[in-house]
Protein backbone atom coordinates (compact mmCIF):
# COMPACT_ATOMS: atom_id res chain seq x y z
CA MET A 1 84.80 104.55 101.06
CA HIS A 2 84.78 106.91 97.84
CA ILE A 3 88.19 106.95 95.82
CA ASP A 4 88.41 110.51 93.90
CA LYS A 5 89.99 110.47 90.62
CA PHE A 6 93.29 111.63 91.95
CA ASP A 7 93.64 108.65 94.35
CA PHE A 8 92.49 106.21 91.78
CA ASP A 9 95.18 107.53 89.39
CA ALA A 10 97.88 107.35 91.91
CA THR A 11 96.68 103.99 92.74
CA LEU A 12 96.81 102.60 89.19
CA LEU A 13 100.43 104.23 88.87
CA THR A 14 101.57 102.46 91.95
CA VAL A 15 99.96 99.25 90.90
CA ASN A 16 101.56 99.35 87.32
CA PHE A 17 105.05 99.73 88.70
CA ALA A 18 104.64 96.91 91.11
CA THR A 19 102.99 94.65 88.30
CA ARG A 20 106.13 95.36 86.03
CA LEU A 21 108.48 94.46 88.45
CA LEU A 22 106.59 90.93 89.15
CA ALA A 23 105.63 90.11 85.77
CA MET A 24 109.27 90.54 84.06
CA GLU A 25 111.19 88.29 86.62
CA VAL A 26 111.49 84.58 86.45
CA ASP A 27 114.31 84.00 88.89
CA PRO A 28 112.37 82.37 91.94
CA ASP A 29 114.65 84.07 94.62
CA ILE A 30 114.36 87.62 92.92
CA LEU A 31 110.72 86.96 92.59
CA THR A 32 110.06 85.91 96.09
CA ASP A 33 111.76 89.12 97.43
CA ARG A 34 109.94 91.33 94.99
CA VAL A 35 106.44 89.82 95.87
CA LEU A 36 107.24 90.26 99.68
CA GLU A 37 108.20 94.05 98.89
CA ALA A 38 105.39 94.55 96.78
CA PHE A 39 102.57 93.51 99.47
CA CYS A 40 104.46 95.41 102.26
CA ASP A 41 104.68 98.51 100.14
CA LEU A 42 101.14 98.37 99.06
CA GLY A 43 99.86 97.12 102.34
CA ASN A 44 101.85 99.90 103.99
CA CYS A 45 103.57 97.24 106.66
CA GLN A 46 106.69 95.76 107.61
CA ASP A 47 105.77 92.34 108.04
CA ALA A 48 104.34 89.67 105.58
CA THR A 49 104.58 85.86 104.99
CA LEU A 50 104.62 84.01 101.47
CA MET A 51 102.97 80.75 101.70
CA MET A 52 102.77 78.25 98.34
CA TYR A 53 101.14 75.20 97.99
CA ASP A 54 103.87 72.34 96.73
CA GLU A 55 103.17 69.65 94.06
CA TYR A 56 101.60 67.44 97.02
CA ARG A 57 99.26 70.34 97.72
CA GLN A 58 100.77 70.74 101.04
CA LEU A 59 101.05 74.42 102.20
CA LYS A 60 104.76 75.45 102.60
CA GLY A 61 106.00 78.54 103.91
CA VAL A 62 108.29 80.17 101.46
CA ALA A 63 109.56 83.51 103.06
CA ALA A 64 108.71 86.29 105.30
CA SER A 65 109.50 89.89 105.89
CA LEU A 66 109.88 90.70 109.56
CA LYS A 67 110.43 94.67 109.70
CA HIS A 68 111.69 94.74 106.16
CA ARG A 69 114.04 91.78 106.89
CA ARG A 70 113.94 88.84 104.64
CA VAL A 71 113.78 85.27 106.26
CA ILE A 72 113.69 82.22 104.36
CA ILE A 73 111.19 79.64 105.59
CA ASP A 74 111.09 75.89 104.70
CA GLU A 75 108.40 74.14 106.87
CA GLN A 76 104.96 73.26 106.51
CA ILE A 77 102.07 75.55 107.43
CA PRO A 78 98.62 74.49 108.85
CA LEU A 79 95.72 75.85 106.86
CA THR A 80 93.77 78.19 109.15
CA LYS A 81 90.18 78.78 109.04
CA ALA A 82 91.05 82.34 107.71
CA MET A 83 92.89 80.90 104.95
CA HIS A 84 89.95 78.52 104.25
CA GLU A 85 87.49 81.62 103.83
CA ALA A 86 89.95 83.26 101.75
CA ALA A 87 90.34 80.32 99.39
CA GLN A 88 86.64 79.90 99.37
CA SER A 89 85.87 83.40 98.38
CA LEU A 90 88.87 84.50 96.53
CA LYS A 91 89.10 87.53 98.46
CA PRO A 92 91.28 88.86 101.33
CA VAL A 93 90.06 87.94 105.08
CA VAL A 94 91.08 90.09 108.07
CA ARG A 95 91.65 88.22 111.15
CA PRO A 96 93.62 88.93 114.60
CA VAL A 97 97.37 87.95 114.36
CA CYS A 98 98.31 84.71 115.80
CA ASP A 99 100.78 85.10 118.64
CA ASP A 100 102.14 81.65 118.59
CA SER A 101 104.31 82.23 115.61
CA ILE A 102 107.09 84.61 114.66
CA TYR A 103 105.87 84.88 111.44
CA PRO A 104 102.57 86.96 110.38
CA LEU A 105 99.68 84.31 110.47
CA PRO A 106 96.12 84.64 111.11
CA SER A 107 94.74 83.71 114.83
CA LYS A 108 91.54 82.18 115.78
CA CYS A 109 91.56 84.36 119.16
CA CYS A 110 90.75 88.32 119.30
CA GLU A 111 93.03 89.12 122.20
CA THR A 112 95.99 91.04 120.26
CA ASP A 113 96.65 94.35 119.35
CA LYS A 114 97.59 93.53 115.65
CA THR A 115 95.36 92.40 112.87
CA CYS A 116 96.36 89.89 110.10
CA LEU A 117 95.13 90.33 106.44
CA CYS A 118 94.95 86.89 104.68
CA ILE A 119 95.26 87.49 100.71
CA PRO A 120 94.88 84.22 98.36
CA LEU A 121 97.21 83.96 95.40
CA VAL A 122 94.80 83.04 92.83
CA GLY A 123 96.40 82.07 89.63
CA SER A 124 95.23 80.53 86.50
CA ARG A 125 91.80 78.86 86.31
CA ASP A 126 91.09 80.76 89.53
CA ARG A 127 93.20 78.03 91.41
CA VAL A 128 94.68 79.22 94.82
CA ARG A 129 98.39 78.83 94.73
CA GLY A 130 99.10 79.92 98.25
CA PHE A 131 98.64 82.95 100.35
CA VAL A 132 100.34 86.35 101.52
CA THR A 133 99.69 87.28 105.19
CA LEU A 134 100.26 90.67 106.37
CA TYR A 135 99.81 92.49 109.56
CA ARG A 136 99.66 96.03 111.24
CA PRO A 137 98.45 97.63 114.48
CA LYS A 138 94.45 97.25 115.05
CA GLU A 139 94.00 100.77 114.86
CA GLN A 140 95.50 101.04 111.43
CA GLN A 141 92.71 99.54 109.11
CA TRP A 142 93.45 98.67 105.50
CA ASP A 143 91.01 100.98 103.34
CA ILE A 144 89.48 100.25 100.16
CA SER A 145 92.34 101.75 98.02
CA GLU A 146 94.67 99.27 99.53
CA LEU A 147 92.55 96.22 99.04
CA PHE A 148 91.97 97.11 95.53
CA GLN A 149 95.87 97.32 94.98
CA LEU A 150 96.48 94.28 97.11
CA GLY A 151 93.96 92.39 95.20
CA ILE A 152 95.27 93.05 91.77
CA ILE A 153 99.00 92.49 93.02
CA SER A 154 97.78 89.05 94.58
CA THR A 155 96.75 87.90 90.90
CA VAL A 156 99.87 89.05 89.24
CA ALA A 157 102.04 87.49 91.85
CA ALA A 158 100.39 84.19 91.53
CA ILE A 159 100.50 84.26 87.76
CA SER A 160 104.21 85.41 87.91
CA ILE A 161 105.09 82.57 90.12
CA GLU A 162 103.34 79.97 87.83
CA ASN A 163 105.28 81.64 84.81
CA SER A 164 108.56 81.29 86.82
CA ARG A 165 108.16 77.50 87.80
CA LEU A 166 107.25 76.72 84.10
CA PHE A 167 109.89 78.86 82.75
CA ARG A 168 112.43 77.02 85.16
CA GLN A 169 111.25 73.62 84.11
CA THR A 170 112.55 74.58 80.51
CA ILE A 171 116.05 75.87 81.61
CA GLU A 172 116.66 73.72 84.56
CA ASP A 173 118.90 70.73 84.74
CA SER A 174 116.53 68.07 86.42
CA LEU A 175 119.36 66.18 88.38
CA THR A 176 121.30 69.25 89.80
CA GLY A 177 118.84 71.92 89.93
CA LEU A 178 121.30 74.35 87.81
CA TYR A 179 120.61 76.00 84.54
CA MET A 180 121.20 73.94 81.37
CA ARG A 181 123.56 74.45 78.73
CA ARG A 182 120.87 75.99 76.24
CA TYR A 183 120.08 78.69 78.66
CA LEU A 184 123.82 79.25 79.18
CA PHE A 185 124.21 80.13 75.64
CA ILE A 186 121.23 82.40 75.70
CA ARG A 187 122.39 84.33 78.52
CA LEU A 188 126.16 84.30 77.17
CA ARG A 189 125.20 86.18 74.09
CA GLU A 190 123.09 88.49 75.88
CA GLU A 191 125.93 89.42 78.21
CA VAL A 192 128.63 89.63 75.23
CA GLN A 193 126.11 92.40 73.38
CA ARG A 194 125.77 94.12 76.69
CA PHE A 195 129.76 94.26 77.16
CA LYS A 196 129.98 95.45 73.23
CA ARG A 197 127.54 98.32 73.85
CA ARG A 198 128.80 99.32 77.59
CA GLY A 199 131.91 97.62 78.41
CA GLY A 200 131.96 96.34 81.75
CA PRO A 201 133.50 92.89 83.32
CA LEU A 202 132.59 89.73 82.47
CA SER A 203 134.04 86.38 83.74
CA ALA A 204 133.55 82.59 83.29
CA ILE A 205 134.50 79.57 85.38
CA MET A 206 134.65 76.25 83.93
CA LEU A 207 134.54 73.20 86.12
CA ASP A 208 135.19 69.54 86.20
CA VAL A 209 134.90 66.70 88.55
CA ASP A 210 138.29 65.08 88.85
CA ASN A 211 138.21 61.38 87.84
CA PHE A 212 134.57 60.98 87.64
CA LYS A 213 134.65 58.23 85.35
CA SER A 214 135.99 56.04 88.33
CA VAL A 215 133.23 57.13 90.46
CA ASN A 216 130.74 55.80 88.41
CA ASP A 217 132.88 52.61 87.74
CA ASN A 218 133.48 51.69 91.35
CA TYR A 219 130.41 53.11 92.91
CA GLY A 220 127.69 52.98 90.45
CA HIS A 221 125.75 55.56 88.37
CA ALA A 222 123.29 56.14 91.25
CA THR A 223 126.19 57.67 93.34
CA GLY A 224 127.53 59.44 90.60
CA ASP A 225 124.22 61.12 90.39
CA VAL A 226 124.39 62.03 94.21
CA VAL A 227 128.19 63.72 93.58
CA LEU A 228 126.67 65.88 90.52
CA ARG A 229 123.89 66.92 93.01
CA THR A 230 126.12 67.54 95.71
CA LEU A 231 128.22 69.94 93.17
CA GLY A 232 125.08 71.46 92.02
CA GLN A 233 124.23 72.49 95.76
CA VAL A 234 127.99 73.94 96.41
CA LEU A 235 127.67 75.97 93.04
CA HIS A 236 124.26 77.34 94.26
CA ASP A 237 125.37 78.05 97.60
CA ASN A 238 128.88 79.89 96.33
CA SER A 239 127.01 82.00 93.56
CA ARG A 240 125.31 85.33 93.78
CA GLN A 241 121.64 84.67 93.55
CA GLY A 242 120.12 86.88 90.66
CA VAL A 243 123.47 87.80 89.42
CA ASP A 244 125.96 84.66 88.64
CA LEU A 245 124.67 81.90 86.36
CA PRO A 246 125.63 78.43 87.46
CA CYS A 247 124.95 75.90 84.86
CA ARG A 248 125.50 72.26 83.93
CA TYR A 249 127.39 72.27 80.77
CA GLY A 250 127.39 68.40 80.43
CA GLY A 251 128.12 65.36 81.93
CA GLU A 252 130.36 66.26 84.99
CA GLU A 253 131.40 69.66 83.43
CA PHE A 254 129.97 72.84 84.74
CA VAL A 255 130.17 76.76 84.06
CA VAL A 256 129.47 79.66 86.36
CA LEU A 257 128.89 82.74 84.28
CA MET A 258 129.79 85.94 86.21
CA PRO A 259 128.56 89.32 85.02
CA GLY A 260 129.87 92.33 86.39
CA SER A 261 132.86 90.09 87.79
CA GLU A 262 136.62 90.66 87.12
CA LYS A 263 138.87 87.59 86.56
CA LYS A 264 140.44 88.18 90.26
CA GLU A 265 136.91 88.06 91.58
CA ALA A 266 136.27 84.94 89.63
CA GLU A 267 139.33 83.27 90.77
CA ILE A 268 138.30 83.87 94.54
CA VAL A 269 134.91 82.14 94.07
CA ALA A 270 136.65 79.39 92.04
CA GLU A 271 139.01 78.67 94.70
CA ARG A 272 135.83 78.75 97.27
CA ILE A 273 134.13 76.37 95.19
CA ARG A 274 137.05 74.16 95.10
CA SER A 275 137.78 74.14 98.52
CA ALA A 276 134.07 73.54 99.64
CA CYS A 277 133.92 70.39 97.19
CA GLU A 278 137.16 69.21 98.57
CA GLU A 279 135.90 69.37 101.92
CA LYS A 280 132.65 67.42 101.20
CA GLU A 281 132.10 64.01 102.15
CA ILE A 282 129.36 62.10 100.32
CA HIS A 283 127.93 59.24 101.80
CA ALA A 284 127.51 56.03 99.53
CA PRO A 285 126.73 52.31 100.47
CA GLU A 286 130.30 51.33 99.88
CA GLY A 287 131.20 54.32 102.33
CA LYS A 288 132.23 58.10 102.25
CA ILE A 289 133.38 59.46 99.05
CA LYS A 290 135.89 62.44 98.63
CA ILE A 291 136.09 64.64 95.25
CA THR A 292 137.80 67.45 94.12
CA LEU A 293 137.23 69.74 91.22
CA SER A 294 139.53 71.47 88.54
CA CYS A 295 138.91 74.78 87.28
CA GLY A 296 139.83 77.27 84.46
CA ILE A 297 138.85 80.95 84.46
CA SER A 298 138.51 83.51 81.56
CA SER A 299 137.55 86.98 81.46
CA ILE A 300 135.84 88.92 78.13
CA GLU A 301 138.83 91.37 77.95
CA GLU A 302 140.83 88.38 76.96
CA CYS A 303 138.79 87.69 73.94
CA ASP A 304 139.98 88.58 70.62
CA PRO A 305 137.11 89.49 69.26
CA PRO A 306 134.89 89.24 72.16
CA SER A 307 132.35 86.33 71.74
CA ALA A 308 130.77 83.48 73.90
CA ASP A 309 132.56 80.80 71.94
CA GLU A 310 135.89 82.40 72.88
CA LEU A 311 135.22 83.14 76.37
CA LEU A 312 134.42 79.64 76.94
CA LYS A 313 137.26 78.40 74.97
CA ILE A 314 139.74 80.06 77.22
CA ALA A 315 138.26 78.80 80.15
CA ASP A 316 138.17 75.29 78.97
CA GLN A 317 141.99 75.51 77.79
CA ARG A 318 142.80 76.53 81.41
CA LEU A 319 140.53 73.70 82.77
CA TYR A 320 142.43 71.39 80.84
CA CYS A 321 145.77 72.93 82.01
CA ALA A 322 144.73 72.22 85.59
CA LYS A 323 143.91 68.68 84.84
CA GLN A 324 147.43 68.29 83.25
CA SER A 325 149.03 69.99 86.17
CA GLY A 326 147.70 67.63 88.92
CA ARG A 327 144.08 68.40 89.36
CA ASN A 328 142.32 69.95 92.15
CA LEU A 329 143.42 73.33 91.02
CA VAL A 330 142.29 76.68 89.85
CA ILE A 331 144.24 78.07 86.70
CA CYS A 332 143.32 81.66 85.40
CA LYS A 333 146.21 82.62 83.05
């Protein structure tokens, strides 16, 4: 099919916009959404599945778009003949849709009214990192312009995912899965500078596990690690993805940086975290363990002058006050 100059220019403009959105994002959750959104937009469809190979080269479902609604997937996906052909040719393969899955996956049979486009995600060194599958009605065929766009975006998406994983390894605490202290200070400086230019709320929560030394002394460091991993998951689950920054500050101390949040909002989140932690039961060889948190909250408006150090200093002082007041408390003034 011939692409005239107008269509070609419009195609490049669309691809350029999608490329910038993918290439500039390192947060894996946001990147997943943007990958699905880009493929659905450029493929002119509502349904897509993102699958990636894990470290053991097992193909795992990551997420799907079902009528533009995002669904998280965490299950192994069997490698189909269409995927194998796409991986071998490094090109998209069109197949009937599999009716046995709620996610868009290619099928072996032809008795279906929809078609599935299986696109390999080809990263560095021409290595296939995973697949994106799209589907739409059989009579609505993909034209050469759409395949051209999807081919470019598939490479951009694969390399963006690779870069996101590499970047996460440099800034992520291996035990808890949260951000590390050094990345916290990078982001803190950025947010303080943004506040100086534009104003707006910025808050921080500093948290500490109560009596953590006794956990290590009574149950051992392995159980202490389980406690820290559990807390890391609690912080992740109670933070806004792509907005808040939950970090391991050091040892059993944590910080949640909350751009765009007033101190009252941070207090609500801190109380939710404290309550969730109090309700957790951690299983150890010696039995079930219950832990609690103490929290201190600060906001940038309280800092004179506004600085990263002052924001954390005020939160730390209030954390100390929570400890002195009996622990398992949230102090915000």
